[in-house]
């Protein structure tokens, strides 16, 4: 499989909804509210699937800049290839 990552301390993050992609690129960390509580996902996190609740996703990009995206709920999947995907409810 082709790796899209240039830095071993970053994961590839895609946040999408029916309106299109909200974010796509390398990230160091993602903090999100889930139905089980707030979690932070870092690069090479164990594979995970969880349900998101309403709140705010905080992205720390590979360059250290932070971005916030409002959430109304959705799903998060971290795979074994260091790719993190979020599908948002709209």
Protein backbone atom coordinates (compact mmCIF):
# COMPACT_ATOMS: atom_id res chain seq x y z
CA UNK A 1 0.00 0.00 0.00
CA UNK A 2 1.25 3.49 -0.84
CA UNK A 3 1.93 5.73 2.14
CA UNK A 4 0.84 9.36 1.90
CA UNK A 5 2.70 10.34 5.06
CA UNK A 6 5.90 12.34 5.01
CA UNK A 7 6.47 12.37 8.78
CA UNK A 8 6.42 9.32 11.02
CA UNK A 9 4.83 11.41 13.79
CA UNK A 10 1.76 12.23 11.69
CA UNK A 11 -1.30 10.28 10.63
CA UNK A 12 -3.40 10.89 7.53
CA UNK A 13 -6.75 12.38 8.57
CA UNK A 14 -9.89 12.69 6.46
CA UNK A 15 -13.02 14.36 7.80
CA UNK A 16 -15.97 14.13 5.40
CA UNK A 17 -19.71 14.73 5.35
CA UNK A 18 -22.41 14.70 2.71
CA UNK A 19 -21.34 18.29 1.95
CA UNK A 20 -17.80 17.14 1.07
CA UNK A 21 -14.41 16.97 2.75
CA UNK A 22 -14.01 19.23 5.78
CA UNK A 23 -10.32 18.34 6.28
CA UNK A 24 -7.81 16.12 4.56
CA UNK A 25 -4.12 15.97 5.36
CA UNK A 26 -1.51 15.02 7.91
CA UNK A 27 -2.26 15.49 11.59
CA UNK A 28 -0.35 14.94 14.81
CA UNK A 29 -3.43 14.62 17.02
CA UNK A 30 -7.22 14.72 16.99
CA UNK A 31 -9.35 15.39 20.05
CA UNK A 32 -13.05 14.47 19.72
CA UNK A 33 -16.10 13.85 21.90
CA UNK A 34 -17.41 10.29 21.73
CA UNK A 35 -20.39 8.60 23.33
CA UNK A 36 -17.91 7.11 25.85
CA UNK A 37 -16.19 10.41 26.64
CA UNK A 38 -13.59 12.67 25.06
CA UNK A 39 -10.61 10.98 23.39
CA UNK A 40 -7.36 12.05 21.78
CA UNK A 41 -6.10 10.00 18.84
CA UNK A 42 -2.37 10.18 18.07
CA UNK A 43 -0.40 8.69 15.19
CA UNK A 44 -0.17 4.89 15.18
CA UNK A 45 -3.13 4.59 17.57
CA UNK A 46 -4.55 1.10 17.86
CA UNK A 47 -7.32 0.38 15.33
CA UNK A 48 -10.54 1.88 16.64
CA UNK A 49 -14.13 2.46 15.59
CA UNK A 50 -16.32 4.72 17.73
CA UNK A 51 -19.44 6.88 17.61
CA UNK A 52 -19.00 10.65 17.88
CA UNK A 53 -21.35 12.93 19.76
CA UNK A 54 -22.10 16.62 19.32
CA UNK A 55 -19.21 18.92 20.18
CA UNK A 56 -15.97 20.12 18.59
CA UNK A 57 -13.13 18.23 16.94
CA UNK A 58 -9.73 19.81 17.58
CA UNK A 59 -7.10 18.94 14.98
CA UNK A 60 -3.39 19.49 15.53
CA UNK A 61 -1.97 19.52 12.00
CA UNK A 62 1.48 18.19 11.14
CA UNK A 63 2.82 21.78 11.15
CA UNK A 64 1.50 22.31 14.71
CA UNK A 65 -1.40 24.59 13.74
CA UNK A 66 -4.73 23.85 15.38
CA UNK A 67 -8.13 23.81 13.68
CA UNK A 68 -11.59 23.28 15.14
CA UNK A 69 -14.52 21.64 13.36
CA UNK A 70 -18.02 21.53 14.89
CA UNK A 71 -19.57 18.07 15.14
CA UNK A 72 -23.21 17.03 15.25
CA UNK A 73 -22.22 13.39 15.60
CA UNK A 74 -20.80 10.75 13.30
CA UNK A 75 -18.33 7.89 13.21
CA UNK A 76 -14.55 7.64 13.62
CA UNK A 77 -12.32 4.87 12.31
CA UNK A 78 -8.57 4.53 12.90
CA UNK A 79 -7.05 1.73 10.82
CA UNK A 80 -3.79 -0.22 11.13
CA UNK A 81 -2.27 1.81 8.25
CA UNK A 82 -2.26 5.05 10.33
CA UNK A 83 -5.25 6.50 8.48
CA UNK A 84 -7.94 8.20 10.55
CA UNK A 85 -11.35 8.72 8.95
CA UNK A 86 -14.36 10.60 10.26
CA UNK A 87 -17.79 10.58 8.66
CA UNK A 88 -19.90 13.43 10.03
CA UNK A 89 -23.64 13.62 10.52
CA UNK A 90 -25.09 16.78 8.98
